[in-house]
C-alpha cells in the first residue's frame, strides 16, 4: 500500500492535496504562507498515511508552528527531519476516525 501525506481543510473536511513526501507538503505550505500569510494555513491539518493508517502530523495553529520550525518562509529551506518530530494530539483517535479512508478511496 502506498504511503503519502494528505492536507485537509479541518474546518470543511475537504482534502486539499496529497503529497508523496513531507518536503513536497512543506514546500506547498510555505508557498501558501508566502502568498496569503500563515493565517491561510491555520485551518489545515497534515496527515501521513502509512499502510492505510493515518497519523496526524499537525493541525491548525500547531501546523503553523510546525511549518515555521521546519522552514524559513523567506527562502523555503527546510530543517532536517531530526530537528522536528510530528506532534502528538489527544484527539488523534477521533480525528482518525473522521478521516479514515477505505483502500478503494485512493
N, C-alpha and C. Protein backbone atom coordinates (compact mmCIF):
# COMPACT_ATOMS: atom_id res chain seq x y z
N UNK A 1 0.85 -1.17 0.00
CA UNK A 1 0.00 0.00 0.00
C UNK A 1 0.89 1.23 0.00
N UNK A 2 0.48 2.25 -0.71
CA UNK A 2 1.26 3.47 -0.82
C UNK A 2 1.26 4.27 0.48
N UNK A 3 2.40 4.91 0.74
CA UNK A 3 2.50 5.87 1.82
C UNK A 3 2.43 7.26 1.20
N UNK A 4 1.68 8.16 1.82
CA UNK A 4 1.53 9.51 1.28
C UNK A 4 1.10 10.44 2.40
N UNK A 5 1.13 11.73 2.12
CA UNK A 5 0.65 12.74 3.04
C UNK A 5 -0.57 13.40 2.44
N UNK A 6 -1.46 13.83 3.32
CA UNK A 6 -2.69 14.46 2.87
C UNK A 6 -2.88 15.76 3.64
N UNK A 7 -3.21 16.82 2.92
CA UNK A 7 -3.50 18.11 3.51
C UNK A 7 -5.01 18.29 3.47
N UNK A 8 -5.60 18.54 4.63
CA UNK A 8 -7.05 18.63 4.77
C UNK A 8 -7.42 19.97 5.38
N UNK A 9 -8.47 20.59 4.85
CA UNK A 9 -9.03 21.78 5.48
C UNK A 9 -9.90 21.26 6.62
N UNK A 10 -9.43 21.43 7.84
CA UNK A 10 -10.09 20.85 9.01
C UNK A 10 -11.47 21.46 9.22
N UNK A 11 -11.67 22.71 8.80
CA UNK A 11 -12.96 23.36 9.03
C UNK A 11 -14.05 22.80 8.10
N UNK A 12 -13.67 22.30 6.92
CA UNK A 12 -14.66 21.76 5.98
C UNK A 12 -14.55 20.26 5.80
N UNK A 13 -13.39 19.69 6.14
CA UNK A 13 -13.15 18.28 5.91
C UNK A 13 -12.71 17.97 4.48
N UNK A 14 -12.54 18.99 3.66
CA UNK A 14 -12.14 18.79 2.27
C UNK A 14 -10.65 18.48 2.16
N UNK A 15 -10.32 17.49 1.33
CA UNK A 15 -8.92 17.20 1.04
C UNK A 15 -8.43 18.26 0.06
N UNK A 16 -7.36 18.93 0.43
CA UNK A 16 -6.79 19.99 -0.40
C UNK A 16 -5.78 19.40 -1.39
N UNK A 17 -4.92 18.51 -0.88
CA UNK A 17 -3.88 17.93 -1.74
C UNK A 17 -3.31 16.68 -1.10
N UNK A 18 -2.72 15.83 -1.94
CA UNK A 18 -1.95 14.68 -1.49
C UNK A 18 -0.52 14.85 -1.98
N UNK A 19 0.43 14.38 -1.17
CA UNK A 19 1.84 14.54 -1.48
C UNK A 19 2.56 13.21 -1.28
N UNK A 20 3.60 13.00 -2.07
CA UNK A 20 4.42 11.80 -1.93
C UNK A 20 5.45 11.93 -0.81
N UNK A 21 5.80 13.18 -0.45
CA UNK A 21 6.82 13.37 0.59
C UNK A 21 6.47 14.57 1.46
N UNK A 22 7.07 14.58 2.64
CA UNK A 22 6.88 15.69 3.55
C UNK A 22 7.48 16.97 2.97
N UNK A 23 8.57 16.85 2.25
CA UNK A 23 9.20 18.02 1.64
C UNK A 23 8.26 18.69 0.64
N UNK A 24 7.54 17.88 -0.15
CA UNK A 24 6.56 18.44 -1.09
C UNK A 24 5.44 19.17 -0.35
N UNK A 25 4.96 18.56 0.72
CA UNK A 25 3.88 19.18 1.50
C UNK A 25 4.36 20.49 2.11
N UNK A 26 5.56 20.48 2.68
CA UNK A 26 6.09 21.70 3.29
C UNK A 26 6.32 22.79 2.26
N UNK A 27 6.80 22.41 1.08
CA UNK A 27 7.01 23.40 0.02
C UNK A 27 5.69 24.06 -0.35
N UNK A 28 4.62 23.28 -0.45
CA UNK A 28 3.31 23.81 -0.77
C UNK A 28 2.80 24.71 0.34
N UNK A 29 2.98 24.30 1.58
CA UNK A 29 2.52 25.09 2.72
C UNK A 29 3.31 26.40 2.83
N UNK A 30 4.62 26.35 2.59
CA UNK A 30 5.44 27.56 2.63
C UNK A 30 5.01 28.51 1.53
N UNK A 31 4.74 27.99 0.33
CA UNK A 31 4.29 28.83 -0.78
C UNK A 31 2.97 29.51 -0.42
N UNK A 32 2.07 28.76 0.17
CA UNK A 32 0.79 29.36 0.56
C UNK A 32 0.99 30.41 1.65
N UNK A 33 1.88 30.14 2.60
CA UNK A 33 2.17 31.12 3.64
C UNK A 33 2.78 32.39 3.05
N UNK A 34 3.63 32.23 2.05
CA UNK A 34 4.20 33.41 1.38
C UNK A 34 3.11 34.23 0.69
N UNK A 35 2.18 33.54 0.02
CA UNK A 35 1.14 34.23 -0.75
C UNK A 35 0.04 34.83 0.13
N UNK A 36 -0.34 34.13 1.19
CA UNK A 36 -1.51 34.52 1.96
C UNK A 36 -1.25 34.73 3.45
N UNK A 37 -0.01 34.53 3.88
CA UNK A 37 0.31 34.61 5.30
C UNK A 37 0.02 33.29 5.99
N UNK A 38 0.56 33.14 7.17
CA UNK A 38 0.37 31.89 7.92
C UNK A 38 -1.08 31.69 8.33
N UNK A 39 -1.86 32.78 8.37
CA UNK A 39 -3.29 32.64 8.68
C UNK A 39 -3.99 31.78 7.63
N UNK A 40 -3.45 31.75 6.42
CA UNK A 40 -4.05 30.98 5.34
C UNK A 40 -3.97 29.48 5.53
N UNK A 41 -3.10 29.00 6.44
CA UNK A 41 -2.97 27.55 6.65
C UNK A 41 -3.43 27.12 8.04
N UNK A 42 -3.93 28.06 8.85
CA UNK A 42 -4.24 27.67 10.23
C UNK A 42 -5.49 26.79 10.37
N UNK A 43 -6.28 26.64 9.32
CA UNK A 43 -7.43 25.73 9.41
C UNK A 43 -7.10 24.36 8.80
N UNK A 44 -5.85 24.13 8.44
CA UNK A 44 -5.44 22.89 7.78
C UNK A 44 -4.92 21.85 8.77
N UNK A 45 -4.93 20.62 8.33
CA UNK A 45 -4.32 19.50 9.05
C UNK A 45 -3.47 18.72 8.05
N UNK A 46 -2.31 18.26 8.50
CA UNK A 46 -1.43 17.45 7.67
C UNK A 46 -1.36 16.06 8.28
N UNK A 47 -1.74 15.07 7.47
CA UNK A 47 -1.76 13.68 7.92
C UNK A 47 -0.82 12.84 7.06
N UNK A 48 -0.20 11.86 7.69
CA UNK A 48 0.64 10.89 6.97
C UNK A 48 -0.09 9.55 6.98
N UNK A 49 -0.28 8.98 5.80
CA UNK A 49 -0.89 7.66 5.67
C UNK A 49 0.21 6.64 5.40
N UNK A 50 0.30 5.65 6.27
CA UNK A 50 1.23 4.54 6.09
C UNK A 50 0.43 3.25 6.21
N UNK A 51 0.51 2.44 5.17
CA UNK A 51 -0.25 1.19 5.12
C UNK A 51 -1.73 1.40 5.41
N UNK A 52 -2.26 2.52 4.90
CA UNK A 52 -3.68 2.81 5.03
C UNK A 52 -4.10 3.43 6.35
N UNK A 53 -3.15 3.65 7.25
CA UNK A 53 -3.47 4.19 8.57
C UNK A 53 -2.98 5.62 8.68
N UNK A 54 -3.88 6.56 9.03
CA UNK A 54 -3.48 7.97 9.15
C UNK A 54 -2.82 8.27 10.49
N UNK A 55 -1.82 9.14 10.44
CA UNK A 55 -1.20 9.70 11.62
C UNK A 55 -1.21 11.21 11.46
N UNK A 56 -1.73 11.90 12.43
CA UNK A 56 -1.78 13.35 12.38
C UNK A 56 -0.39 13.91 12.65
N UNK A 57 0.14 14.69 11.72
CA UNK A 57 1.44 15.35 11.92
C UNK A 57 1.21 16.63 12.70
N UNK A 58 0.30 17.46 12.22
CA UNK A 58 -0.03 18.71 12.92
C UNK A 58 -1.30 19.29 12.31
N UNK A 59 -1.99 20.12 13.08
CA UNK A 59 -3.19 20.76 12.58
C UNK A 59 -3.33 22.16 13.17
N UNK A 60 -4.04 23.00 12.44
CA UNK A 60 -4.41 24.34 12.85
C UNK A 60 -3.20 25.12 13.33
N UNK A 61 -3.26 25.75 14.49
CA UNK A 61 -2.14 26.58 14.96
C UNK A 61 -0.86 25.77 15.12
N UNK A 62 -0.99 24.50 15.50
CA UNK A 62 0.20 23.66 15.63
C UNK A 62 0.84 23.39 14.26
N UNK A 63 0.03 23.36 13.20
CA UNK A 63 0.59 23.21 11.86
C UNK A 63 1.39 24.45 11.48
N UNK A 64 0.89 25.63 11.82
CA UNK A 64 1.63 26.86 11.56
C UNK A 64 2.98 26.81 12.28
N UNK A 65 2.97 26.42 13.53
CA UNK A 65 4.22 26.31 14.30
C UNK A 65 5.14 25.28 13.67
N UNK A 66 4.59 24.14 13.26
CA UNK A 66 5.37 23.07 12.64
C UNK A 66 6.04 23.55 11.35
N UNK A 67 5.27 24.25 10.52
CA UNK A 67 5.81 24.77 9.25
C UNK A 67 6.88 25.82 9.53
N UNK A 68 6.63 26.69 10.48
CA UNK A 68 7.63 27.72 10.83
C UNK A 68 8.92 27.09 11.34
N UNK A 69 8.81 26.05 12.15
CA UNK A 69 10.00 25.38 12.68
C UNK A 69 10.78 24.64 11.59
N UNK A 70 10.05 24.06 10.66
CA UNK A 70 10.68 23.24 9.63
C UNK A 70 11.17 24.04 8.43
N UNK A 71 10.80 25.30 8.36
CA UNK A 71 11.16 26.05 7.17
C UNK A 71 11.52 27.49 7.50
N UNK A 72 12.19 28.10 6.57
CA UNK A 72 12.42 29.53 6.60
C UNK A 72 11.52 30.09 5.52
N UNK A 73 10.43 30.76 5.90
CA UNK A 73 9.41 31.21 4.94
C UNK A 73 9.97 32.16 3.89
N UNK A 74 11.09 32.79 4.17
CA UNK A 74 11.66 33.71 3.18
C UNK A 74 12.41 32.95 2.09
N UNK A 75 13.09 31.85 2.46
CA UNK A 75 13.92 31.15 1.49
C UNK A 75 13.33 29.82 1.05
N UNK A 76 12.41 29.27 1.86
CA UNK A 76 11.85 27.97 1.53
C UNK A 76 12.76 26.82 1.89
N UNK A 77 13.85 27.08 2.64
CA UNK A 77 14.73 25.99 3.04
C UNK A 77 14.11 25.27 4.23
N UNK A 78 14.41 23.97 4.34
CA UNK A 78 13.78 23.15 5.36
C UNK A 78 14.80 22.63 6.35
N UNK A 79 14.36 22.51 7.60
CA UNK A 79 15.18 21.87 8.63
C UNK A 79 15.18 20.38 8.37
N UNK A 80 16.16 19.69 8.89
CA UNK A 80 16.20 18.24 8.71
C UNK A 80 15.10 17.60 9.54
N UNK A 81 14.69 16.40 9.15
CA UNK A 81 13.60 15.71 9.84
C UNK A 81 13.91 15.47 11.30
N UNK A 82 15.19 15.34 11.66
CA UNK A 82 15.54 15.07 13.05
C UNK A 82 15.32 16.28 13.94
N UNK A 83 15.18 17.48 13.35
CA UNK A 83 15.01 18.68 14.15
C UNK A 83 13.58 18.90 14.59
N UNK A 84 12.63 18.28 13.94
CA UNK A 84 11.23 18.47 14.31
C UNK A 84 10.48 17.17 14.06
N UNK A 85 9.88 16.67 15.12
CA UNK A 85 9.13 15.42 15.01
C UNK A 85 7.64 15.75 14.92
N UNK A 86 6.84 14.84 14.34
CA UNK A 86 5.40 15.07 14.32
C UNK A 86 4.86 15.29 15.73
N UNK A 87 3.87 16.15 15.83
CA UNK A 87 3.28 16.48 17.11
C UNK A 87 2.21 15.46 17.47
N UNK A 88 2.08 15.17 18.75
CA UNK A 88 1.08 14.21 19.21
C UNK A 88 -0.14 14.98 19.69
N UNK A 89 -1.31 14.42 19.46
CA UNK A 89 -2.55 15.06 19.85
C UNK A 89 -3.44 14.05 20.55
N UNK A 90 -4.07 14.47 21.65
CA UNK A 90 -5.01 13.61 22.35
C UNK A 90 -6.22 13.29 21.48
N UNK A 91 -6.53 14.17 20.54
CA UNK A 91 -7.71 13.97 19.71
C UNK A 91 -7.42 13.11 18.49
N UNK A 92 -6.24 12.48 18.41
CA UNK A 92 -5.86 11.71 17.23
C UNK A 92 -6.87 10.62 16.91
N UNK A 93 -7.35 9.93 17.92
CA UNK A 93 -8.28 8.83 17.66
C UNK A 93 -9.56 9.34 17.00
N UNK A 94 -10.10 10.44 17.51
CA UNK A 94 -11.32 10.96 16.90
C UNK A 94 -11.04 11.57 15.54
N UNK A 95 -9.89 12.22 15.36
CA UNK A 95 -9.54 12.79 14.06
C UNK A 95 -9.36 11.69 13.03
N UNK A 96 -8.71 10.61 13.43
CA UNK A 96 -8.50 9.49 12.50
C UNK A 96 -9.82 8.86 12.10
N UNK A 97 -10.70 8.72 13.04
CA UNK A 97 -11.98 8.09 12.75
C UNK A 97 -12.79 8.91 11.75
N UNK A 98 -12.71 10.22 11.85
CA UNK A 98 -13.45 11.08 10.93
C UNK A 98 -12.86 11.08 9.54
N UNK A 99 -11.56 10.84 9.43
CA UNK A 99 -10.89 10.97 8.14
C UNK A 99 -10.30 9.66 7.61
N UNK A 100 -10.75 8.55 8.16
CA UNK A 100 -10.24 7.25 7.72
C UNK A 100 -10.78 6.95 6.34
N UNK A 101 -9.90 6.44 5.48
CA UNK A 101 -10.28 6.12 4.11
C UNK A 101 -10.21 4.62 3.93
N UNK A 102 -11.10 4.11 3.15
CA UNK A 102 -11.03 2.69 2.83
C UNK A 102 -10.03 2.51 1.69
N UNK A 103 -9.48 1.32 1.51
CA UNK A 103 -8.46 1.10 0.47
C UNK A 103 -8.93 1.49 -0.94
N UNK A 104 -10.20 1.41 -1.23
CA UNK A 104 -10.70 1.74 -2.55
C UNK A 104 -10.88 3.22 -2.80
N UNK A 105 -10.71 4.06 -1.76
CA UNK A 105 -10.92 5.50 -1.90
C UNK A 105 -9.78 6.23 -2.59
N UNK A 106 -8.62 5.64 -2.67
CA UNK A 106 -7.46 6.35 -3.22
C UNK A 106 -7.44 6.30 -4.71
